[in-house]
Amino acid sequence: MHALASTLRNFFRYAEDRGWATNISVGIDAPVVFREDGLPLGPNWEDVQRLVASFNADSTIDLRDRAVVLLLAVYGLRRGEVVRLRLDDFDWNGEIIHVTRPKQRCTQQYPLVENASERRSCGT
């Protein structure tokens, strides 16, 4: 509908410029279409919890993947923000995570939530 209304409005603007019509284009309103309209909001929290629970605590790769999923799901971090995280960004004693936000050009601090800061043994 938006594209059709825009096309009609443009045609009638052209017709008005040529003198074939008068003031028709101003009466054609295109419906507002939001850029993110129709995009999924994200997975259900139950699906995220099932994904987190599926990681095996004995594998270092699974521990890393579990941590990445929790950072994405719990904190809403972007992929690039997770990639830039270093161990120094985690204050384990103060239970704070320092996240560099490139879009805002600042560093933000977040409290470490219990399930994201959980330390599991790797069988050692």
PDB file of N, CA and C in Angstrom:
ATOM      1  N   MET A   1       0.817  -1.189   0.000  1.00  0.00           N
ATOM      2  CA  MET A   1       0.000   0.000   0.000  1.00  0.00           C
ATOM      3  C   MET A   1       0.870   1.266   0.000  1.00  0.00           C
ATOM      4  N   HIS A   2       1.937   1.233   0.792  1.00  0.00           N
ATOM      5  CA  HIS A   2       2.817   2.396   0.866  1.00  0.00           C
ATOM      6  C   HIS A   2       3.439   2.699  -0.503  1.00  0.00           C
ATOM      7  N   ALA A   3       3.959   1.653  -1.158  1.00  0.00           N
ATOM      8  CA  ALA A   3       4.598   1.839  -2.460  1.00  0.00           C
ATOM      9  C   ALA A   3       3.581   2.296  -3.501  1.00  0.00           C
ATOM     10  N   LEU A   4       2.385   1.724  -3.459  1.00  0.00           N
ATOM     11  CA  LEU A   4       1.353   2.112  -4.422  1.00  0.00           C
ATOM     12  C   LEU A   4       0.944   3.573  -4.226  1.00  0.00           C
ATOM     13  N   ALA A   5       0.725   3.971  -2.978  1.00  0.00           N
ATOM     14  CA  ALA A   5       0.346   5.364  -2.705  1.00  0.00           C
ATOM     15  C   ALA A   5       1.455   6.325  -3.122  1.00  0.00           C
ATOM     16  N   SER A   6       2.690   5.965  -2.862  1.00  0.00           N
ATOM     17  CA  SER A   6       3.818   6.828  -3.260  1.00  0.00           C
ATOM     18  C   SER A   6       3.906   6.953  -4.772  1.00  0.00           C
ATOM     19  N   THR A   7       3.689   5.846  -5.472  1.00  0.00           N
ATOM     20  CA  THR A   7       3.722   5.875  -6.937  1.00  0.00           C
ATOM     21  C   THR A   7       2.601   6.755  -7.498  1.00  0.00           C
ATOM     22  N   LEU A   8       1.404   6.597  -6.959  1.00  0.00           N
ATOM     23  CA  LEU A   8       0.284   7.431  -7.411  1.00  0.00           C
ATOM     24  C   LEU A   8       0.527   8.912  -7.137  1.00  0.00           C
ATOM     25  N   ARG A   9       1.034   9.224  -5.952  1.00  0.00           N
ATOM     26  CA  ARG A   9       1.325  10.608  -5.595  1.00  0.00           C
ATOM     27  C   ARG A   9       2.357  11.199  -6.553  1.00  0.00           C
ATOM     28  N   ASN A  10       3.402  10.432  -6.866  1.00  0.00           N
ATOM     29  CA  ASN A  10       4.424  10.909  -7.802  1.00  0.00           C
ATOM     30  C   ASN A  10       3.852  11.119  -9.197  1.00  0.00           C
ATOM     31  N   PHE A  11       2.976  10.200  -9.633  1.00  0.00           N
ATOM     32  CA  PHE A  11       2.357  10.351 -10.943  1.00  0.00           C
ATOM     33  C   PHE A  11       1.522  11.627 -10.998  1.00  0.00           C
ATOM     34  N   PHE A  12       0.722  11.867  -9.951  1.00  0.00           N
ATOM     35  CA  PHE A  12      -0.127  13.056  -9.973  1.00  0.00           C
ATOM     36  C   PHE A  12       0.684  14.343  -9.793  1.00  0.00           C
ATOM     37  N   ARG A  13       1.825  14.294  -9.140  1.00  0.00           N
ATOM     38  CA  ARG A  13       2.709  15.464  -9.108  1.00  0.00           C
ATOM     39  C   ARG A  13       3.216  15.775 -10.516  1.00  0.00           C
ATOM     40  N   TYR A  14       3.570  14.720 -11.236  1.00  0.00           N
ATOM     41  CA  TYR A  14       4.009  14.885 -12.617  1.00  0.00           C
ATOM     42  C   TYR A  14       2.865  15.462 -13.456  1.00  0.00           C
ATOM     43  N   ALA A  15       1.659  14.916 -13.278  1.00  0.00           N
ATOM     44  CA  ALA A  15       0.497  15.403 -14.021  1.00  0.00           C
ATOM     45  C   ALA A  15       0.209  16.864 -13.688  1.00  0.00           C
ATOM     46  N   GLU A  16       0.391  17.252 -12.439  1.00  0.00           N
ATOM     47  CA  GLU A  16       0.183  18.650 -12.040  1.00  0.00           C
ATOM     48  C   GLU A  16       1.223  19.567 -12.676  1.00  0.00           C
ATOM     49  N   ASP A  17       2.478  19.090 -12.731  1.00  0.00           N
ATOM     50  CA  ASP A  17       3.531  19.885 -13.375  1.00  0.00           C
ATOM     51  C   ASP A  17       3.238  20.098 -14.863  1.00  0.00           C
ATOM     52  N   ARG A  18       2.610  19.116 -15.500  1.00  0.00           N
ATOM     53  CA  ARG A  18       2.271  19.192 -16.916  1.00  0.00           C
ATOM     54  C   ARG A  18       0.972  19.975 -17.171  1.00  0.00           C
ATOM     55  N   GLY A  19       0.223  20.251 -16.081  1.00  0.00           N
ATOM     56  CA  GLY A  19      -1.032  20.973 -16.240  1.00  0.00           C
ATOM     57  C   GLY A  19      -2.223  20.076 -16.522  1.00  0.00           C
ATOM     58  N   TRP A  20      -2.068  18.768 -16.375  1.00  0.00           N
ATOM     59  CA  TRP A  20      -3.153  17.822 -16.654  1.00  0.00           C
ATOM     60  C   TRP A  20      -4.119  17.704 -15.482  1.00  0.00           C
ATOM     61  N   ALA A  21      -3.654  18.053 -14.268  1.00  0.00           N
ATOM     62  CA  ALA A  21      -4.487  17.931 -13.061  1.00  0.00           C
ATOM     63  C   ALA A  21      -4.061  19.012 -12.088  1.00  0.00           C
ATOM     64  N   THR A  22      -4.908  19.251 -11.075  1.00  0.00           N
ATOM     65  CA  THR A  22      -4.556  20.237 -10.048  1.00  0.00           C
ATOM     66  C   THR A  22      -4.855  19.688  -8.664  1.00  0.00           C
ATOM     67  N   ASN A  23      -3.882  19.822  -7.774  1.00  0.00           N
ATOM     68  CA  ASN A  23      -4.004  19.506  -6.346  1.00  0.00           C
ATOM     69  C   ASN A  23      -4.526  18.110  -6.020  1.00  0.00           C
ATOM     70  N   ILE A  24      -4.219  17.135  -6.828  1.00  0.00           N
ATOM     71  CA  ILE A  24      -4.617  15.757  -6.512  1.00  0.00           C
ATOM     72  C   ILE A  24      -3.569  15.092  -5.626  1.00  0.00           C
ATOM     73  N   SER A  25      -2.300  15.360  -5.907  1.00  0.00           N
ATOM     74  CA  SER A  25      -1.226  14.681  -5.181  1.00  0.00           C
ATOM     75  C   SER A  25      -1.246  14.967  -3.680  1.00  0.00           C
ATOM     76  N   VAL A  26      -1.694  16.158  -3.282  1.00  0.00           N
ATOM     77  CA  VAL A  26      -1.698  16.504  -1.854  1.00  0.00           C
ATOM     78  C   VAL A  26      -2.720  15.690  -1.076  1.00  0.00           C
ATOM     79  N   GLY A  27      -3.694  15.118  -1.770  1.00  0.00           N
ATOM     80  CA  GLY A  27      -4.715  14.320  -1.093  1.00  0.00           C
ATOM     81  C   GLY A  27      -4.376  12.851  -0.969  1.00  0.00           C
ATOM     82  N   ILE A  28      -3.227  12.431  -1.487  1.00  0.00           N
ATOM     83  CA  ILE A  28      -2.838  11.019  -1.420  1.00  0.00           C
ATOM     84  C   ILE A  28      -1.832  10.843  -0.298  1.00  0.00           C
ATOM     85  N   ASP A  29      -2.280  10.212   0.763  1.00  0.00           N
ATOM     86  CA  ASP A  29      -1.411   9.942   1.913  1.00  0.00           C
ATOM     87  C   ASP A  29      -1.017   8.470   1.914  1.00  0.00           C
ATOM     88  N   ALA A  30       0.256   8.211   1.999  1.00  0.00           N
ATOM     89  CA  ALA A  30       0.748   6.837   2.102  1.00  0.00           C
ATOM     90  C   ALA A  30       0.707   6.411   3.558  1.00  0.00           C
ATOM     91  N   PRO A  31       0.355   5.158   3.822  1.00  0.00           N
ATOM     92  CA  PRO A  31       0.371   4.697   5.214  1.00  0.00           C
ATOM     93  C   PRO A  31       1.801   4.678   5.743  1.00  0.00           C
ATOM     94  N   VAL A  32       1.925   4.924   7.018  1.00  0.00           N
ATOM     95  CA  VAL A  32       3.240   4.925   7.649  1.00  0.00           C
ATOM     96  C   VAL A  32       3.700   3.479   7.819  1.00  0.00           C
ATOM     97  N   VAL A  33       4.895   3.198   7.349  1.00  0.00           N
ATOM     98  CA  VAL A  33       5.475   1.867   7.484  1.00  0.00           C
ATOM     99  C   VAL A  33       6.769   2.030   8.271  1.00  0.00           C
ATOM    100  N   PHE A  34       6.822   1.389   9.438  1.00  0.00           N
ATOM    101  CA  PHE A  34       8.019   1.460  10.271  1.00  0.00           C
ATOM    102  C   PHE A  34       9.044   0.458   9.776  1.00  0.00           C
ATOM    103  N   ARG A  35      10.303   0.840   9.859  1.00  0.00           N
ATOM    104  CA  ARG A  35      11.381   0.014   9.332  1.00  0.00           C
ATOM    105  C   ARG A  35      11.421  -1.374   9.959  1.00  0.00           C
ATOM    106  N   GLU A  36      11.186  -1.475  11.264  1.00  0.00           N
ATOM    107  CA  GLU A  36      11.266  -2.757  11.948  1.00  0.00           C
ATOM    108  C   GLU A  36       9.924  -3.472  12.026  1.00  0.00           C
ATOM    109  N   ASP A  37       8.906  -2.910  11.394  1.00  0.00           N
ATOM    110  CA  ASP A  37       7.575  -3.505  11.454  1.00  0.00           C
ATOM    111  C   ASP A  37       7.602  -4.905  10.845  1.00  0.00           C
ATOM    112  N   GLY A  38       7.092  -5.850  11.575  1.00  0.00           N
ATOM    113  CA  GLY A  38       7.031  -7.218  11.083  1.00  0.00           C
ATOM    114  C   GLY A  38       8.237  -8.062  11.457  1.00  0.00           C
ATOM    115  N   LEU A  39       9.283  -7.443  11.977  1.00  0.00           N
ATOM    116  CA  LEU A  39      10.446  -8.230  12.395  1.00  0.00           C
ATOM    117  C   LEU A  39      10.129  -8.950  13.702  1.00  0.00           C
ATOM    118  N   PRO A  40      10.642 -10.141  13.867  1.00  0.00           N
ATOM    119  CA  PRO A  40      10.386 -10.852  15.136  1.00  0.00           C
ATOM    120  C   PRO A  40      11.068 -10.121  16.285  1.00  0.00           C
ATOM    121  N   LEU A  41      10.430 -10.146  17.450  1.00  0.00           N
ATOM    122  CA  LEU A  41      10.989  -9.488  18.621  1.00  0.00           C
ATOM    123  C   LEU A  41      12.131 -10.284  19.234  1.00  0.00           C
ATOM    124  N   GLY A  42      12.179 -11.544  18.977  1.00  0.00           N
ATOM    125  CA  GLY A  42      13.224 -12.395  19.516  1.00  0.00           C
ATOM    126  C   GLY A  42      12.625 -13.687  20.027  1.00  0.00           C
ATOM    127  N   PRO A  43      13.476 -14.599  20.459  1.00  0.00           N
ATOM    128  CA  PRO A  43      12.965 -15.886  20.945  1.00  0.00           C
ATOM    129  C   PRO A  43      12.289 -15.732  22.302  1.00  0.00           C
ATOM    130  N   ASN A  44      11.429 -16.675  22.610  1.00  0.00           N
ATOM    131  CA  ASN A  44      10.813 -16.719  23.941  1.00  0.00           C
ATOM    132  C   ASN A  44      11.890 -16.999  24.974  1.00  0.00           C
ATOM    133  N   TRP A  45      11.681 -16.494  26.190  1.00  0.00           N
ATOM    134  CA  TRP A  45      12.666 -16.708  27.252  1.00  0.00           C
ATOM    135  C   TRP A  45      12.828 -18.200  27.555  1.00  0.00           C
ATOM    136  N   GLU A  46      11.753 -18.969  27.414  1.00  0.00           N
ATOM    137  CA  GLU A  46      11.835 -20.417  27.654  1.00  0.00           C
ATOM    138  C   GLU A  46      12.775 -21.073  26.643  1.00  0.00           C
ATOM    139  N   ASP A  47      12.731 -20.619  25.384  1.00  0.00           N
ATOM    140  CA  ASP A  47      13.637 -21.153  24.364  1.00  0.00           C
ATOM    141  C   ASP A  47      15.088 -20.797  24.673  1.00  0.00           C
ATOM    142  N   VAL A  48      15.310 -19.586  25.160  1.00  0.00           N
ATOM    143  CA  VAL A  48      16.667 -19.169  25.530  1.00  0.00           C
ATOM    144  C   VAL A  48      17.166 -20.026  26.693  1.00  0.00           C
ATOM    145  N   GLN A  49      16.313 -20.253  27.674  1.00  0.00           N
ATOM    146  CA  GLN A  49      16.717 -21.071  28.820  1.00  0.00           C
ATOM    147  C   GLN A  49      17.034 -22.502  28.391  1.00  0.00           C
ATOM    148  N   ARG A  50      16.258 -23.049  27.458  1.00  0.00           N
ATOM    149  CA  ARG A  50      16.540 -24.398  26.949  1.00  0.00           C
ATOM    150  C   ARG A  50      17.879 -24.419  26.228  1.00  0.00           C
ATOM    151  N   LEU A  51      18.165 -23.376  25.463  1.00  0.00           N
ATOM    152  CA  LEU A  51      19.444 -23.295  24.759  1.00  0.00           C
ATOM    153  C   LEU A  51      20.599 -23.242  25.751  1.00  0.00           C
ATOM    154  N   VAL A  52      20.471 -22.411  26.776  1.00  0.00           N
ATOM    155  CA  VAL A  52      21.523 -22.298  27.793  1.00  0.00           C
ATOM    156  C   VAL A  52      21.709 -23.629  28.511  1.00  0.00           C
ATOM    157  N   ALA A  53      20.622 -24.295  28.825  1.00  0.00           N
ATOM    158  CA  ALA A  53      20.703 -25.578  29.533  1.00  0.00           C
ATOM    159  C   ALA A  53      21.301 -26.680  28.665  1.00  0.00           C
ATOM    160  N   SER A  54      21.282 -26.501  27.346  1.00  0.00           N
ATOM    161  CA  SER A  54      21.790 -27.543  26.452  1.00  0.00           C
ATOM    162  C   SER A  54      23.313 -27.615  26.414  1.00  0.00           C
ATOM    163  N   PHE A  55      23.991 -26.588  26.905  1.00  0.00           N
ATOM    164  CA  PHE A  55      25.447 -26.602  26.892  1.00  0.00           C
ATOM    165  C   PHE A  55      25.984 -27.527  27.967  1.00  0.00           C
ATOM    166  N   ASN A  56      26.977 -28.350  27.605  1.00  0.00           N
ATOM    167  CA  ASN A  56      27.591 -29.309  28.512  1.00  0.00           C
ATOM    168  C   ASN A  56      28.649 -28.585  29.343  1.00  0.00           C
ATOM    169  N   ALA A  57      28.574 -28.710  30.657  1.00  0.00           N
ATOM    170  CA  ALA A  57      29.503 -28.000  31.549  1.00  0.00           C
ATOM    171  C   ALA A  57      30.917 -28.574  31.505  1.00  0.00           C
ATOM    172  N   ASP A  58      31.108 -29.745  30.903  1.00  0.00           N
ATOM    173  CA  ASP A  58      32.436 -30.365  30.883  1.00  0.00           C
ATOM    174  C   ASP A  58      33.304 -29.885  29.721  1.00  0.00           C
ATOM    175  N   SER A  59      32.723 -29.234  28.761  1.00  0.00           N
ATOM    176  CA  SER A  59      33.465 -28.805  27.584  1.00  0.00           C
ATOM    177  C   SER A  59      33.766 -27.307  27.686  1.00  0.00           C
ATOM    178  N   THR A  60      35.031 -26.942  27.432  1.00  0.00           N
ATOM    179  CA  THR A  60      35.389 -25.521  27.481  1.00  0.00           C
ATOM    180  C   THR A  60      34.706 -24.737  26.366  1.00  0.00           C
ATOM    181  N   ILE A  61      34.483 -25.376  25.232  1.00  0.00           N
ATOM    182  CA  ILE A  61      33.782 -24.714  24.130  1.00  0.00           C
ATOM    183  C   ILE A  61      32.340 -24.430  24.520  1.00  0.00           C
ATOM    184  N   ASP A  62      31.695 -25.399  25.181  1.00  0.00           N
ATOM    185  CA  ASP A  62      30.321 -25.193  25.636  1.00  0.00           C
ATOM    186  C   ASP A  62      30.250 -24.115  26.711  1.00  0.00           C
ATOM    187  N   LEU A  63      31.253 -24.050  27.572  1.00  0.00           N
ATOM    188  CA  LEU A  63      31.273 -22.991  28.597  1.00  0.00           C
ATOM    189  C   LEU A  63      31.366 -21.618  27.940  1.00  0.00           C
ATOM    190  N   ARG A  64      32.225 -21.504  26.930  1.00  0.00           N
ATOM    191  CA  ARG A  64      32.347 -20.240  26.206  1.00  0.00           C
ATOM    192  C   ARG A  64      31.046 -19.886  25.493  1.00  0.00           C
ATOM    193  N   ASP A  65      30.469 -20.862  24.814  1.00  0.00           N
ATOM    194  CA  ASP A  65      29.232 -20.608  24.071  1.00  0.00           C
ATOM    195  C   ASP A  65      28.088 -20.235  25.009  1.00  0.00           C
ATOM    196  N   ARG A  66      28.027 -20.877  26.158  1.00  0.00           N
ATOM    197  CA  ARG A  66      27.000 -20.563  27.163  1.00  0.00           C
ATOM    198  C   ARG A  66      27.158 -19.122  27.644  1.00  0.00           C
ATOM    199  N   ALA A  67      28.399 -18.711  27.895  1.00  0.00           N
ATOM    200  CA  ALA A  67      28.663 -17.350  28.350  1.00  0.00           C
ATOM    201  C   ALA A  67      28.262 -16.330  27.277  1.00  0.00           C
ATOM    202  N   VAL A  68      28.557 -16.614  26.024  1.00  0.00           N
ATOM    203  CA  VAL A  68      28.208 -15.704  24.932  1.00  0.00           C
ATOM    204  C   VAL A  68      26.693 -15.573  24.820  1.00  0.00           C
ATOM    205  N   VAL A  69      25.986 -16.696  24.873  1.00  0.00           N
ATOM    206  CA  VAL A  69      24.519 -16.659  24.777  1.00  0.00           C
ATOM    207  C   VAL A  69      23.933 -15.867  25.938  1.00  0.00           C
ATOM    208  N   LEU A  70      24.462 -16.051  27.137  1.00  0.00           N
ATOM    209  CA  LEU A  70      23.958 -15.303  28.292  1.00  0.00           C
ATOM    210  C   LEU A  70      24.232 -13.813  28.159  1.00  0.00           C
ATOM    211  N   LEU A  71      25.399 -13.443  27.659  1.00  0.00           N
ATOM    212  CA  LEU A  71      25.700 -12.020  27.456  1.00  0.00           C
ATOM    213  C   LEU A  71      24.754 -11.395  26.433  1.00  0.00           C
ATOM    214  N   LEU A  72      24.446 -12.136  25.386  1.00  0.00           N
ATOM    215  CA  LEU A  72      23.523 -11.638  24.371  1.00  0.00           C
ATOM    216  C   LEU A  72      22.099 -11.544  24.905  1.00  0.00           C
ATOM    217  N   ALA A  73      21.657 -12.591  25.619  1.00  0.00           N
ATOM    218  CA  ALA A  73      20.258 -12.665  26.052  1.00  0.00           C
ATOM    219  C   ALA A  73      19.980 -11.835  27.299  1.00  0.00           C
ATOM    220  N   VAL A  74      20.847 -11.891  28.285  1.00  0.00           N
ATOM    221  CA  VAL A  74      20.587 -11.222  29.561  1.00  0.00           C
ATOM    222  C   VAL A  74      20.894  -9.734  29.480  1.00  0.00           C
ATOM    223  N   TYR A  75      22.010  -9.386  28.874  1.00  0.00           N
ATOM    224  CA  TYR A  75      22.425  -7.987  28.824  1.00  0.00           C
ATOM    225  C   TYR A  75      22.012  -7.285  27.538  1.00  0.00           C
ATOM    226  N   GLY A  76      21.613  -8.043  26.526  1.00  0.00           N
ATOM    227  CA  GLY A  76      21.237  -7.436  25.254  1.00  0.00           C
ATOM    228  C   GLY A  76      22.416  -6.841  24.513  1.00  0.00           C
ATOM    229  N   LEU A  77      23.600  -7.414  24.729  1.00  0.00           N
ATOM    230  CA  LEU A  77      24.790  -6.896  24.061  1.00  0.00           C
ATOM    231  C   LEU A  77      24.750  -7.227  22.578  1.00  0.00           C
ATOM    232  N   ARG A  78      25.395  -6.412  21.802  1.00  0.00           N
ATOM    233  CA  ARG A  78      25.533  -6.672  20.372  1.00  0.00           C
ATOM    234  C   ARG A  78      26.713  -7.618  20.167  1.00  0.00           C
ATOM    235  N   ARG A  79      26.724  -8.235  18.999  1.00  0.00           N
ATOM    236  CA  ARG A  79      27.772  -9.196  18.673  1.00  0.00           C
ATOM    237  C   ARG A  79      29.155  -8.569  18.827  1.00  0.00           C
ATOM    238  N   GLY A  80      29.343  -7.372  18.294  1.00  0.00           N
ATOM    239  CA  GLY A  80      30.642  -6.709  18.362  1.00  0.00           C
ATOM    240  C   GLY A  80      31.063  -6.373  19.781  1.00  0.00           C
ATOM    241  N   GLU A  81      30.092  -6.074  20.638  1.00  0.00           N
ATOM    242  CA  GLU A  81      30.398  -5.762  22.037  1.00  0.00           C
ATOM    243  C   GLU A  81      30.884  -7.003  22.765  1.00  0.00           C
ATOM    244  N   VAL A  82      30.287  -8.145  22.452  1.00  0.00           N
ATOM    245  CA  VAL A  82      30.717  -9.402  23.079  1.00  0.00           C
ATOM    246  C   VAL A  82      32.116  -9.765  22.600  1.00  0.00           C
ATOM    247  N   VAL A  83      32.373  -9.570  21.310  1.00  0.00           N
ATOM    248  CA  VAL A  83      33.685  -9.905  20.746  1.00  0.00           C
ATOM    249  C   VAL A  83      34.787  -9.076  21.401  1.00  0.00           C
ATOM    250  N   ARG A  84      34.504  -7.809  21.731  1.00  0.00           N
ATOM    251  CA  ARG A  84      35.517  -6.933  22.317  1.00  0.00           C
ATOM    252  C   ARG A  84      35.720  -7.143  23.815  1.00  0.00           C
ATOM    253  N   LEU A  85      34.885  -7.927  24.456  1.00  0.00           N
ATOM    254  CA  LEU A  85      35.047  -8.129  25.899  1.00  0.00           C
ATOM    255  C   LEU A  85      36.343  -8.871  26.206  1.00  0.00           C
ATOM    256  N   ARG A  86      36.992  -8.463  27.282  1.00  0.00           N
ATOM    257  CA  ARG A  86      38.207  -9.108  27.776  1.00  0.00           C
ATOM    258  C   ARG A  86      38.000  -9.440  29.243  1.00  0.00           C
ATOM    259  N   LEU A  87      38.816 -10.315  29.785  1.00  0.00           N
ATOM    260  CA  LEU A  87      38.682 -10.688  31.198  1.00  0.00           C
ATOM    261  C   LEU A  87      38.792  -9.484  32.116  1.00  0.00           C
ATOM    262  N   ASP A  88      39.578  -8.485  31.709  1.00  0.00           N
ATOM    263  CA  ASP A  88      39.722  -7.268  32.518  1.00  0.00           C
ATOM    264  C   ASP A  88      38.416  -6.489  32.634  1.00  0.00           C
ATOM    265  N   ASP A  89      37.478  -6.740  31.726  1.00  0.00           N
ATOM    266  CA  ASP A  89      36.195  -6.042  31.765  1.00  0.00           C
ATOM    267  C   ASP A  89      35.270  -6.580  32.857  1.00  0.00           C
ATOM    268  N   PHE A  90      35.643  -7.689  33.462  1.00  0.00           N
ATOM    269  CA  PHE A  90      34.826  -8.286  34.514  1.00  0.00           C
ATOM    270  C   PHE A  90      35.463  -8.034  35.870  1.00  0.00           C
ATOM    271  N   ASP A  91      34.739  -7.341  36.730  1.00  0.00           N
ATOM    272  CA  ASP A  91      35.172  -7.121  38.110  1.00  0.00           C
ATOM    273  C   ASP A  91      34.441  -8.156  38.957  1.00  0.00           C
ATOM    274  N   TRP A  92      35.111  -9.298  39.165  1.00  0.00           N
ATOM    275  CA  TRP A  92      34.461 -10.413  39.866  1.00  0.00           C
ATOM    276  C   TRP A  92      34.158 -10.061  41.307  1.00  0.00           C
ATOM    277  N   ASN A  93      35.065  -9.345  41.989  1.00  0.00           N
ATOM    278  CA  ASN A  93      34.832  -8.985  43.384  1.00  0.00           C
ATOM    279  C   ASN A  93      33.713  -7.952  43.511  1.00  0.00           C
ATOM    280  N   GLY A  94      33.716  -6.968  42.638  1.00  0.00           N
ATOM    281  CA  GLY A  94      32.676  -5.941  42.669  1.00  0.00           C
ATOM    282  C   GLY A  94      31.406  -6.361  41.950  1.00  0.00           C
ATOM    283  N   GLU A  95      31.446  -7.528  41.298  1.00  0.00           N
ATOM    284  CA  GLU A  95      30.321  -8.081  40.548  1.00  0.00           C
ATOM    285  C   GLU A  95      29.779  -7.082  39.521  1.00  0.00           C
ATOM    286  N   ILE A  96      30.715  -6.545  38.711  1.00  0.00           N
ATOM    287  CA  ILE A  96      30.365  -5.556  37.688  1.00  0.00           C
ATOM    288  C   ILE A  96      31.022  -5.965  36.377  1.00  0.00           C
ATOM    289  N   ILE A  97      30.311  -5.727  35.294  1.00  0.00           N
ATOM    290  CA  ILE A  97      30.867  -5.929  33.964  1.00  0.00           C
ATOM    291  C   ILE A  97      30.943  -4.555  33.292  1.00  0.00           C
ATOM    292  N   HIS A  98      32.079  -4.268  32.673  1.00  0.00           N
ATOM    293  CA  HIS A  98      32.302  -3.006  31.970  1.00  0.00           C
ATOM    294  C   HIS A  98      32.188  -3.281  30.469  1.00  0.00           C
ATOM    295  N   VAL A  99      31.223  -2.640  29.815  1.00  0.00           N
ATOM    296  CA  VAL A  99      30.963  -2.872  28.393  1.00  0.00           C
ATOM    297  C   VAL A  99      31.228  -1.582  27.619  1.00  0.00           C
ATOM    298  N   THR A 100      32.094  -1.675  26.625  1.00  0.00           N
ATOM    299  CA  THR A 100      32.348  -0.535  25.754  1.00  0.00           C
ATOM    300  C   THR A 100      31.258  -0.509  24.694  1.00  0.00           C
ATOM    301  N   ARG A 101      30.520   0.605  24.662  1.00  0.00           N
ATOM    302  CA  ARG A 101      29.423   0.770  23.708  1.00  0.00           C
ATOM    303  C   ARG A 101      29.886   1.705  22.595  1.00  0.00           C
ATOM    304  N   PRO A 102      30.295   1.147  21.444  1.00  0.00           N
ATOM    305  CA  PRO A 102      30.836   1.993  20.382  1.00  0.00           C
ATOM    306  C   PRO A 102      29.809   2.970  19.803  1.00  0.00           C
ATOM    307  N   LYS A 103      28.542   2.587  19.740  1.00  0.00           N
ATOM    308  CA  LYS A 103      27.541   3.500  19.175  1.00  0.00           C
ATOM    309  C   LYS A 103      27.337   4.726  20.059  1.00  0.00           C
ATOM    310  N   GLN A 104      27.392   4.536  21.388  1.00  0.00           N
ATOM    311  CA  GLN A 104      27.251   5.670  22.305  1.00  0.00           C
ATOM    312  C   GLN A 104      28.592   6.292  22.651  1.00  0.00           C
ATOM    313  N   ARG A 105      29.677   5.648  22.204  1.00  0.00           N
ATOM    314  CA  ARG A 105      31.039   6.105  22.491  1.00  0.00           C
ATOM    315  C   ARG A 105      31.289   6.278  23.981  1.00  0.00           C
ATOM    316  N   CYS A 106      30.919   5.262  24.731  1.00  0.00           N
ATOM    317  CA  CYS A 106      31.133   5.307  26.172  1.00  0.00           C
ATOM    318  C   CYS A 106      31.281   3.880  26.699  1.00  0.00           C
ATOM    319  N   THR A 107      31.659   3.796  27.959  1.00  0.00           N
ATOM    320  CA  THR A 107      31.712   2.510  28.642  1.00  0.00           C
ATOM    321  C   THR A 107      30.616   2.503  29.693  1.00  0.00           C
ATOM    322  N   GLN A 108      29.823   1.442  29.695  1.00  0.00           N
ATOM    323  CA  GLN A 108      28.747   1.316  30.664  1.00  0.00           C
ATOM    324  C   GLN A 108      29.055   0.172  31.605  1.00  0.00           C
ATOM    325  N   GLN A 109      28.564   0.308  32.829  1.00  0.00           N
ATOM    326  CA  GLN A 109      28.762  -0.734  33.833  1.00  0.00           C
ATOM    327  C   GLN A 109      27.425  -1.391  34.131  1.00  0.00           C
ATOM    328  N   TYR A 110      27.465  -2.714  34.244  1.00  0.00           N
ATOM    329  CA  TYR A 110      26.272  -3.479  34.560  1.00  0.00           C
ATOM    330  C   TYR A 110      26.589  -4.427  35.710  1.00  0.00           C
ATOM    331  N   PRO A 111      25.615  -4.681  36.575  1.00  0.00           N
ATOM    332  CA  PRO A 111      25.842  -5.669  37.631  1.00  0.00           C
ATOM    333  C   PRO A 111      25.878  -7.064  37.024  1.00  0.00           C
ATOM    334  N   LEU A 112      26.766  -7.884  37.531  1.00  0.00           N
ATOM    335  CA  LEU A 112      26.797  -9.270  37.070  1.00  0.00           C
ATOM    336  C   LEU A 112      25.607 -10.001  37.680  1.00  0.00           C
ATOM    337  N   VAL A 113      24.744 -10.511  36.823  1.00  0.00           N
ATOM    338  CA  VAL A 113      23.610 -11.281  37.333  1.00  0.00           C
ATOM    339  C   VAL A 113      24.088 -12.693  37.644  1.00  0.00           C
ATOM    340  N   GLU A 114      23.412 -13.321  38.557  1.00  0.00           N
ATOM    341  CA  GLU A 114      23.896 -14.600  39.079  1.00  0.00           C
ATOM    342  C   GLU A 114      24.085 -15.663  38.005  1.00  0.00           C
ATOM    343  N   ASN A 115      23.110 -15.846  37.104  1.00  0.00           N
ATOM    344  CA  ASN A 115      23.269 -16.922  36.124  1.00  0.00           C
ATOM    345  C   ASN A 115      24.314 -16.596  35.064  1.00  0.00           C
ATOM    346  N   ALA A 116      24.652 -15.327  34.862  1.00  0.00           N
ATOM    347  CA  ALA A 116      25.690 -14.968  33.896  1.00  0.00           C
ATOM    348  C   ALA A 116      27.084 -15.054  34.503  1.00  0.00           C
ATOM    349  N   SER A 117      27.191 -14.898  35.831  1.00  0.00           N
ATOM    350  CA  SER A 117      28.505 -14.930  36.459  1.00  0.00           C
ATOM    351  C   SER A 117      28.794 -16.262  37.141  1.00  0.00           C
ATOM    352  N   GLU A 118      27.905 -17.210  36.985  1.00  0.00           N
ATOM    353  CA  GLU A 118      28.073 -18.524  37.587  1.00  0.00           C
ATOM    354  C   GLU A 118      29.380 -19.146  37.110  1.00  0.00           C
ATOM    355  N   ARG A 119      30.157 -19.639  38.041  1.00  0.00           N
ATOM    356  CA  ARG A 119      31.412 -20.301  37.660  1.00  0.00           C
ATOM    357  C   ARG A 119      31.210 -21.802  37.798  1.00  0.00           C
ATOM    358  N   ARG A 120      31.490 -22.495  36.729  1.00  0.00           N
ATOM    359  CA  ARG A 120      31.329 -23.951  36.735  1.00  0.00           C
ATOM    360  C   ARG A 120      32.706 -24.576  36.598  1.00  0.00           C
ATOM    361  N   SER A 121      32.871 -25.705  37.227  1.00  0.00           N
ATOM    362  CA  SER A 121      34.145 -26.395  37.106  1.00  0.00           C
ATOM    363  C   SER A 121      34.209 -27.118  35.767  1.00  0.00           C
ATOM    364  N   CYS A 122      35.403 -27.236  35.246  1.00  0.00           N
ATOM    365  CA  CYS A 122      35.598 -27.890  33.951  1.00  0.00           C
ATOM    366  C   CYS A 122      36.085 -29.313  34.138  1.00  0.00           C
ATOM    367  N   GLY A 123      35.752 -29.902  35.257  1.00  0.00           N
ATOM    368  CA  GLY A 123      36.181 -31.261  35.503  1.00  0.00           C
ATOM    369  C   GLY A 123      37.618 -31.364  35.957  1.00  0.00           C
ATOM    370  N   THR A 124      38.211 -30.221  36.368  1.00  0.00           N
ATOM    371  CA  THR A 124      39.604 -30.246  36.816  1.00  0.00           C
ATOM    372  C   THR A 124      39.671 -30.188  38.320  1.00  0.00           C
TER     373      THR A 124
END
